[in-house]
Each structure stands twice: as C-alpha cells, then as structure tokens.
Protein backbone atom coordinates (compact mmCIF):
# COMPACT_ATOMS: atom_id res chain seq x y z
CA MET A 1 7.61 -14.79 -7.44
CA SER A 2 7.55 -11.79 -9.77
CA GLU A 3 10.36 -10.37 -11.84
CA HIS A 4 9.04 -6.95 -10.85
CA VAL A 5 9.44 -7.36 -7.10
CA GLU A 6 12.92 -7.52 -5.59
CA ILE A 7 13.08 -9.06 -2.11
CA VAL A 8 16.29 -8.89 -0.11
CA THR A 9 16.80 -9.67 3.59
CA GLU A 10 19.88 -8.15 5.14
CA GLY A 11 20.72 -7.00 8.66
CA GLY A 12 17.26 -7.92 9.94
CA VAL A 13 15.47 -5.83 7.29
CA ARG A 14 13.45 -7.44 4.50
CA SER A 15 13.33 -4.96 1.61
CA VAL A 16 10.37 -5.34 -0.74
CA ARG A 17 11.05 -3.20 -3.79
CA MET A 18 8.65 -2.80 -6.72
CA THR A 19 10.78 -2.55 -9.87
CA ARG A 20 8.30 -2.20 -12.74
CA GLY A 21 9.53 1.29 -13.45
CA GLU A 22 8.49 1.34 -17.12
CA LYS A 23 4.87 1.05 -15.93
CA LYS A 24 5.36 3.33 -12.91
CA ASN A 25 5.06 0.27 -10.68
CA ALA A 26 1.49 -0.54 -11.65
CA ILE A 27 0.93 -3.72 -9.67
CA THR A 28 0.07 -7.05 -11.32
CA GLY A 29 -1.30 -10.21 -9.75
CA ALA A 30 2.17 -11.75 -9.75
CA MET A 31 3.54 -8.72 -7.91
CA TYR A 32 0.79 -8.94 -5.30
CA THR A 33 1.58 -12.63 -4.77
CA ALA A 34 5.30 -11.98 -4.38
CA MET A 35 4.74 -9.20 -1.84
CA ALA A 36 2.20 -11.27 0.11
CA GLU A 37 4.69 -14.14 0.33
CA ALA A 38 7.40 -11.76 1.53
CA LEU A 39 5.15 -10.62 4.39
CA GLU A 40 3.79 -14.06 5.26
CA THR A 41 7.16 -15.78 5.39
CA GLY A 42 8.62 -12.82 7.26
CA ASN A 43 6.25 -13.44 10.15
CA GLY A 44 7.83 -16.80 10.88
CA ASP A 45 11.43 -15.91 10.05
CA ALA A 46 13.57 -14.80 13.00
CA ALA A 47 16.03 -13.23 10.54
CA VAL A 48 13.31 -10.74 9.50
CA ARG A 49 12.82 -8.05 12.14
CA ALA A 50 11.43 -5.23 9.98
CA ILE A 51 9.90 -4.80 6.52
CA LEU A 52 10.85 -1.97 4.14
CA PHE A 53 8.72 -1.07 1.11
CA LEU A 54 10.39 0.81 -1.74
CA GLY A 55 9.64 1.73 -5.33
CA VAL A 56 11.76 3.30 -8.06
CA PRO A 57 12.70 6.97 -8.53
CA GLY A 58 9.54 8.88 -9.38
CA ALA A 59 7.14 6.01 -8.75
CA PHE A 60 6.33 4.21 -5.53
CA SER A 61 3.27 2.72 -7.24
CA ALA A 62 0.72 3.93 -9.79
CA GLY A 63 -1.80 1.50 -8.28
CA ASN A 64 -3.29 -1.54 -9.99
CA ASP A 65 -2.34 -2.49 -13.51
CA ILE A 66 -5.84 -1.92 -14.88
CA ALA A 67 -5.75 -4.52 -17.65
CA ASP A 68 -4.35 -7.16 -15.29
CA PHE A 69 -6.80 -6.11 -12.61
CA LEU A 70 -9.78 -6.55 -14.94
CA ALA A 71 -8.50 -9.98 -15.94
CA MET A 72 -8.12 -10.99 -12.28
CA SER A 73 -11.58 -9.62 -11.53
CA SER A 74 -13.36 -11.11 -14.53
CA GLY A 75 -15.46 -13.33 -12.26
CA GLY A 76 -16.70 -10.33 -10.29
CA GLU A 77 -14.22 -10.85 -7.45
CA LEU A 78 -11.57 -8.40 -6.25
CA GLY A 79 -8.87 -10.93 -7.15
CA ALA A 80 -7.34 -13.57 -4.86
CA PRO A 81 -3.76 -12.22 -5.11
CA ILE A 82 -4.97 -8.76 -4.09
CA ILE A 83 -6.97 -10.00 -1.11
CA ARG A 84 -4.04 -12.16 -0.03
CA PHE A 85 -1.72 -9.15 -0.02
CA LEU A 86 -4.18 -6.90 1.81
CA LYS A 87 -4.65 -9.47 4.55
CA ALA A 88 -0.90 -10.10 4.75
CA LEU A 89 -0.46 -6.37 5.44
CA ALA A 90 -3.05 -6.48 8.21
CA ARG A 91 -1.51 -9.62 9.73
CA SER A 92 2.12 -8.52 9.51
CA GLU A 93 3.83 -9.06 12.86
CA LYS A 94 6.96 -7.11 11.94
CA PRO A 95 7.27 -3.31 11.89
CA MET A 96 6.76 -1.90 8.40
CA VAL A 97 8.49 1.16 6.92
CA ALA A 98 7.97 2.77 3.50
CA GLY A 99 10.07 5.14 1.44
CA VAL A 100 7.92 6.94 -1.13
CA ASP A 101 9.21 8.92 -4.09
CA GLY A 102 6.82 10.22 -6.74
CA LEU A 103 3.47 8.61 -7.50
CA ALA A 104 1.57 6.76 -4.80
CA ILE A 105 -1.83 6.03 -6.31
CA GLY A 106 -4.62 3.75 -5.04
CA ILE A 107 -2.99 0.81 -3.26
CA GLY A 108 0.22 2.86 -3.39
CA THR A 109 -1.41 5.14 -0.83
CA THR A 110 -3.60 2.72 1.13
CA LEU A 111 -0.60 0.42 1.73
CA LEU A 112 0.99 3.26 3.69
CA LEU A 113 -1.89 3.35 6.19
CA HIS A 114 -0.71 -0.06 7.43
CA CYS A 115 2.92 1.02 7.79
CA ASP A 116 4.43 2.13 11.08
CA LEU A 117 6.79 4.71 9.60
CA VAL A 118 6.50 6.47 6.22
CA TYR A 119 9.05 8.78 4.61
CA ALA A 120 8.37 10.69 1.39
CA SER A 121 10.22 12.94 -1.02
CA PRO A 122 8.95 16.52 -1.55
CA GLY A 123 7.59 15.69 -5.01
CA SER A 124 5.50 12.72 -3.93
CA VAL A 125 1.80 12.72 -4.78
CA PHE A 126 -0.81 10.59 -3.00
CA ARG A 127 -4.21 9.89 -4.57
CA THR A 128 -6.98 7.29 -4.31
CA PRO A 129 -9.27 7.62 -7.36
CA PHE A 130 -11.62 4.79 -6.38
CA VAL A 131 -14.87 6.70 -6.76
CA ASP A 132 -13.73 8.13 -10.11
CA LEU A 133 -13.55 4.53 -11.35
CA GLY A 134 -17.01 3.74 -9.98
CA LEU A 135 -15.51 1.79 -7.08
CA VAL A 136 -15.10 2.11 -3.31
CA PRO A 137 -12.06 2.30 -1.00
CA GLU A 138 -10.09 -0.87 -0.27
CA ASN A 139 -7.38 -2.22 2.06
CA ALA A 140 -9.40 -1.16 5.15
CA SER A 141 -8.63 2.45 4.19
CA SER A 142 -12.23 3.40 5.01
CA LEU A 143 -11.44 2.40 8.61
CA LEU A 144 -7.77 3.39 8.93
CA ALA A 145 -7.82 6.78 7.21
CA PRO A 146 -10.54 8.38 9.40
CA ARG A 147 -8.79 7.01 12.50
CA LEU A 148 -5.55 8.58 11.41
CA MET A 149 -6.60 11.92 9.93
CA GLY A 150 -10.24 12.54 10.87
CA HIS A 151 -13.38 12.31 8.76
CA GLN A 152 -12.98 15.41 6.60
CA ARG A 153 -9.44 14.75 5.40
CA ALA A 154 -10.15 11.04 4.95
CA PHE A 155 -13.23 11.93 2.89
CA GLU A 156 -11.16 14.32 0.81
CA LEU A 157 -8.61 11.59 0.09
CA LEU A 158 -10.89 8.57 -0.38
CA CYS A 159 -14.16 10.00 -1.70
CA LEU A 160 -13.30 13.29 -3.36
CA GLY A 161 -10.16 11.65 -4.71
CA ALA A 162 -8.15 14.83 -4.24
CA PRO A 163 -4.38 14.56 -4.64
CA PHE A 164 -2.33 15.08 -1.48
CA THR A 165 1.09 16.63 -1.76
CA ALA A 166 3.88 15.41 0.50
CA ASP A 167 3.30 18.43 2.74
CA LYS A 168 -0.42 17.70 2.97
CA ALA A 169 0.19 13.99 3.66
CA HIS A 170 2.62 14.95 6.40
CA GLY A 171 0.04 17.31 7.88
CA ALA A 172 -2.61 14.59 7.67
CA GLY A 173 -0.40 12.27 9.68
CA PHE A 174 0.36 9.40 7.32
CA VAL A 175 3.83 10.62 6.37
CA ASN A 176 6.30 10.92 9.24
CA GLU A 177 8.90 13.06 7.53
CA ILE A 178 9.64 14.66 4.17
CA VAL A 179 13.14 13.80 2.96
CA GLU A 180 14.96 14.96 -0.17
CA ALA A 181 14.71 12.37 -2.94
CA GLU A 182 18.43 11.67 -3.00
CA ASP A 183 18.39 10.90 0.74
CA LEU A 184 15.05 9.11 0.92
CA GLU A 185 16.09 5.48 0.63
CA GLU A 186 18.97 5.89 3.06
CA LYS A 187 16.63 7.49 5.59
CA ALA A 188 13.95 4.80 5.25
CA ARG A 189 16.53 2.03 5.36
CA THR A 190 18.21 3.53 8.42
CA MET A 191 14.90 3.72 10.27
CA ALA A 192 14.01 0.14 9.32
CA ALA A 193 17.43 -0.97 10.58
CA THR A 194 16.87 0.97 13.79
CA LEU A 195 13.61 -0.90 14.38
CA ALA A 196 15.27 -4.20 13.50
CA GLY A 197 17.98 -3.52 16.08
CA LYS A 198 15.60 -3.12 19.01
CA PRO A 199 14.71 -5.97 21.42
CA VAL A 200 12.48 -8.25 19.35
CA GLU A 201 9.91 -9.32 21.94
CA ALA A 202 9.53 -5.83 23.41
CA MET A 203 9.06 -4.37 19.93
CA ALA A 204 6.44 -6.98 19.02
CA ILE A 205 4.44 -6.36 22.21
CA ALA A 206 4.71 -2.58 21.96
CA ARG A 207 3.60 -2.64 18.33
CA ARG A 208 0.58 -4.82 19.13
CA LEU A 209 -0.41 -2.46 21.94
CA VAL A 210 -0.14 0.58 19.66
CA LYS A 211 -1.87 -0.96 16.62
CA GLY A 212 -4.35 -3.20 18.39
CA ALA A 213 -5.57 -6.59 17.19
CA PRO A 214 -6.04 -6.85 13.41
CA ASP A 215 -9.55 -8.31 13.66
CA ASP A 216 -11.45 -5.12 12.84
CA VAL A 217 -9.05 -4.32 9.99
CA LEU A 218 -9.50 -7.79 8.50
CA ALA A 219 -13.27 -7.50 8.88
CA ARG A 220 -13.25 -4.14 7.08
CA ILE A 221 -11.14 -5.59 4.26
CA ASP A 222 -13.84 -8.23 3.80
CA GLU A 223 -16.64 -5.67 4.01
CA GLU A 224 -14.98 -3.42 1.45
CA ALA A 225 -14.35 -6.42 -0.81
CA VAL A 226 -18.09 -7.21 -0.90
CA ALA A 227 -18.91 -3.63 -1.89
CA PHE A 228 -16.01 -3.60 -4.35
CA ARG A 229 -17.28 -6.81 -5.97
CA GLU A 230 -20.76 -5.33 -6.35
CA ARG A 231 -19.35 -2.14 -7.84
CA LEU A 232 -17.17 -4.06 -10.32
CA ALA A 233 -20.31 -5.59 -11.80
CA SER A 234 -21.99 -2.21 -12.20
CA PRO A 235 -22.37 -0.47 -15.59
CA GLU A 236 -20.95 2.66 -13.95
CA ALA A 237 -17.64 1.00 -13.07
CA ARG A 238 -17.34 -0.83 -16.39
CA ALA A 239 -17.85 2.42 -18.28
CA ALA A 240 -15.23 4.16 -16.14
CA PHE A 241 -12.70 1.37 -16.73
CA MET A 242 -13.31 1.32 -20.48
CA ALA A 243 -12.86 5.07 -20.62
CA PHE A 244 -9.60 4.78 -18.68
CA LEU A 245 -8.26 2.05 -20.96
CA ALA A 246 -9.24 4.00 -24.08
CA LYS A 247 -7.52 7.12 -22.75
CA SER A 248 -4.35 5.20 -21.90
CA GLY A 249 -4.33 3.43 -25.26
CA LYS A 250 -4.51 -0.09 -23.83
C-alpha cells in the first residue's frame, strides 16, 4: 500500500483518496498499486457496492510523477503498476464516482472517462498533455473520449492538449455536475452512497448493459501501451521529458 492513498470502506462505499498534496497528487508506482488493489479487492467484496475517487483541495491529480514514471519505464515499458491500475479501472464491477477539485492532468482526466458519475468544482482544470511530451493517449482514452464527446472535442483534449474548464468538461459530457468546492465531497459521497444503496444485482446488470463488456477497452489499453512504449524510446519524448524535468528543477 502507499502512504499517499487513503482507502476507507464505509456504508457500502470504498473511498480511494489521493493524499500527496505537497506534490499536487502526482501519482507514483506505489500509489498506482494501492489504487489497483482497492479496485481489484472491491470486485469480490460484498461490503463494497460503489467506489469513490477523491483528491485534496486544489488537486485531484497532476498526473504521473515524472521522475518516478521514468524510473518505472526505464526498460521501455509503460510500467507494470500503471498497466495494472488501468486494467483494474476497465474491469471494475462496481459503480465508480469521482469528486474533482482543481488540477486533473493526464491520468487525472483519463481516469474520469471510466467513472459512472463525475462531479467537479468550478475551478477545476482538465488537461492531457501527452503529445506535448512526445507521447500518445493512454487508459483507453483514445476510444472512450470520442465515444463520449465526439471526434473534434476528443481531439482537442487528447491531441491538441487544450485545457478544459469545468464548464467545458460539463458541456463535453464527462462531468455530470459542477458543485461549489466546499460542497463537492459531500455531493460526490452522497451520490456514491445512493448508488451503494440500490439493489446490488440490478445495479450490476444495468451498469453492464450501459457500459458494455470491457473487452474493447482492455484491447485499446494494450494497443495504446504498445504505441506508448515505442514513443518512450524516441528521442522526441526523451527530449520533452528532460526539458520538463529541467523546468521543474528535478
């Protein structure tokens, strides 16, 4: 487990909170592993009837911890903890809710495409700067985003790397409702509890019918991972990462 992920199960809701606030919830390999375990064990636990993702005030997640990511990916792979978490998202059998305040960068945005309900504060910002780092989209976002918001807006998010405000994310369809920051967690938690309180078997069947089988999502995660691995080995990506680390002083 990770000291930067707090996992609590209460009233049928498993809360998965990223708590690395001093780094704006930049995600490490240990954090990915902890969150993957929370999802995987939740599938077989009757006490878990919904999953709730939370961050800290001002930061849902700033994306990957770049230094940790490069260490995990030193062999040219995307990183086993990352892939494990992405596939755990795709395979989750329980409804997933997210409460987003502040930054939601990279995986902080693509995670939301797997959630069933997403609530965000007015000041939240969503961005996926994959191409800017010489990389490609991940987490099946190249499949899920066009399905959800159409080609042009998905291209704007994933390829142009344009930031989406909370209003724009709501208009694009991956945020259900904008909620004031001070009310955000209560709203997200209430909705997760509402899902957890519904008939379990009916909810599971209805969710499967709405989402469909995860096979194509899992296949796209693998396809993206191959392209991601190739891009990681490219001079273009290495130069972009080195420039980022130099700029951030790491």
